[in-house]
Amino acid sequence: MQTAVILRVSRAAAMGEPHVWYEYALLVNNQIERQSPHMMATAESAARFARQQGYVPSGDIIDIQLGAAAAPRPSRAIA
């Protein structure tokens, strides 16, 4: 079985606190290869999902910061 690491992914919010979620990933040729299409609320839920997909979680959590979120746009034109 292949080993998975847990990612703590954060993205700056346009307003307020950053958005944070967890995913699992594989290490392939010393590169992080994100696998999970789901944003999970806890590291434990990401590890459980990795096990359900047939991977063995290593127990490591790697922090990743994504680029800033776009500013919110109005849903209609403002006159």
Protein backbone atom coordinates (compact mmCIF):
# COMPACT_ATOMS: atom_id res chain seq x y z
CA MET A 1 0.00 0.00 0.00
CA GLN A 2 1.13 3.50 -0.76
CA THR A 3 1.68 6.03 2.03
CA ALA A 4 -0.31 9.26 2.15
CA VAL A 5 0.48 12.52 3.93
CA ILE A 6 -2.15 14.93 5.18
CA LEU A 7 -2.16 18.49 3.83
CA ARG A 8 -3.38 21.48 5.82
CA VAL A 9 -4.32 23.81 2.97
CA SER A 10 -4.95 27.49 3.61
CA ARG A 11 -6.00 30.23 1.26
CA ALA A 12 -6.16 33.90 2.15
CA ALA A 13 -9.72 35.18 2.19
CA ALA A 14 -10.71 38.43 0.52
CA MET A 15 -12.09 39.47 3.90
CA GLY A 16 -11.48 37.99 7.35
CA GLU A 17 -9.66 34.86 8.42
CA PRO A 18 -8.04 32.53 5.86
CA HIS A 19 -9.94 29.47 4.67
CA VAL A 20 -8.35 26.25 6.00
CA TRP A 21 -9.13 22.65 5.08
CA TYR A 22 -7.44 19.25 4.99
CA GLU A 23 -6.72 16.86 2.12
CA TYR A 24 -4.55 13.81 1.63
CA ALA A 25 -1.70 13.59 -0.87
CA LEU A 26 0.89 11.11 -2.10
CA LEU A 27 4.62 11.74 -2.30
CA VAL A 28 5.73 10.81 -5.82
CA ASN A 29 9.40 11.40 -6.73
CA ASN A 30 9.68 13.77 -3.74
CA GLN A 31 6.78 15.84 -5.11
CA ILE A 32 3.44 16.31 -3.39
CA GLU A 33 0.69 14.91 -5.59
CA ARG A 34 -2.70 16.07 -4.35
CA GLN A 35 -5.27 13.29 -4.59
CA SER A 36 -8.33 14.35 -2.72
CA PRO A 37 -11.11 16.20 -4.52
CA HIS A 38 -12.70 16.89 -1.12
CA MET A 39 -12.08 19.63 1.44
CA MET A 40 -12.26 18.07 4.89
CA ALA A 41 -12.66 19.87 8.21
CA THR A 42 -10.13 17.86 10.23
CA ALA A 43 -6.88 15.99 9.73
CA GLU A 44 -8.59 12.89 11.11
CA SER A 45 -11.31 12.98 8.46
CA ALA A 46 -8.66 13.39 5.71
CA ALA A 47 -6.74 10.39 7.10
CA ARG A 48 -9.93 8.32 7.27
CA PHE A 49 -10.75 9.20 3.65
CA ALA A 50 -7.20 8.25 2.56
CA ARG A 51 -7.62 4.85 4.26
CA GLN A 52 -10.97 4.36 2.50
CA GLN A 53 -9.17 4.98 -0.80
CA GLY A 54 -6.56 2.29 0.03
CA TYR A 55 -3.69 4.49 1.27
CA VAL A 56 -1.87 4.37 4.60
CA PRO A 57 -1.67 7.79 6.30
CA SER A 58 1.84 8.50 7.60
CA GLY A 59 0.70 10.79 10.41
CA ASP A 60 2.59 13.74 8.90
CA ILE A 61 0.75 17.02 8.27
CA ILE A 62 2.22 19.37 5.65
CA ASP A 63 1.16 23.02 5.53
CA ILE A 64 0.40 24.46 2.08
CA GLN A 65 -0.60 28.04 1.35
CA LEU A 66 -2.43 28.78 -1.88
CA GLY A 67 -2.63 32.15 -3.60
CA ALA A 68 -4.95 34.87 -2.39
CA ALA A 69 -8.64 34.58 -3.09
CA ALA A 70 -10.18 36.95 -5.57
CA ALA A 71 -12.10 39.91 -4.21
CA PRO A 72 -15.85 39.34 -4.14
CA ARG A 73 -17.71 40.66 -7.17
CA PRO A 74 -21.15 42.20 -7.08
CA SER A 75 -23.81 39.90 -8.50
CA ARG A 76 -25.30 42.71 -10.58
CA ALA A 77 -24.17 46.01 -11.96
CA ILE A 78 -24.07 48.89 -9.52
CA ALA A 79 -25.35 52.15 -10.99
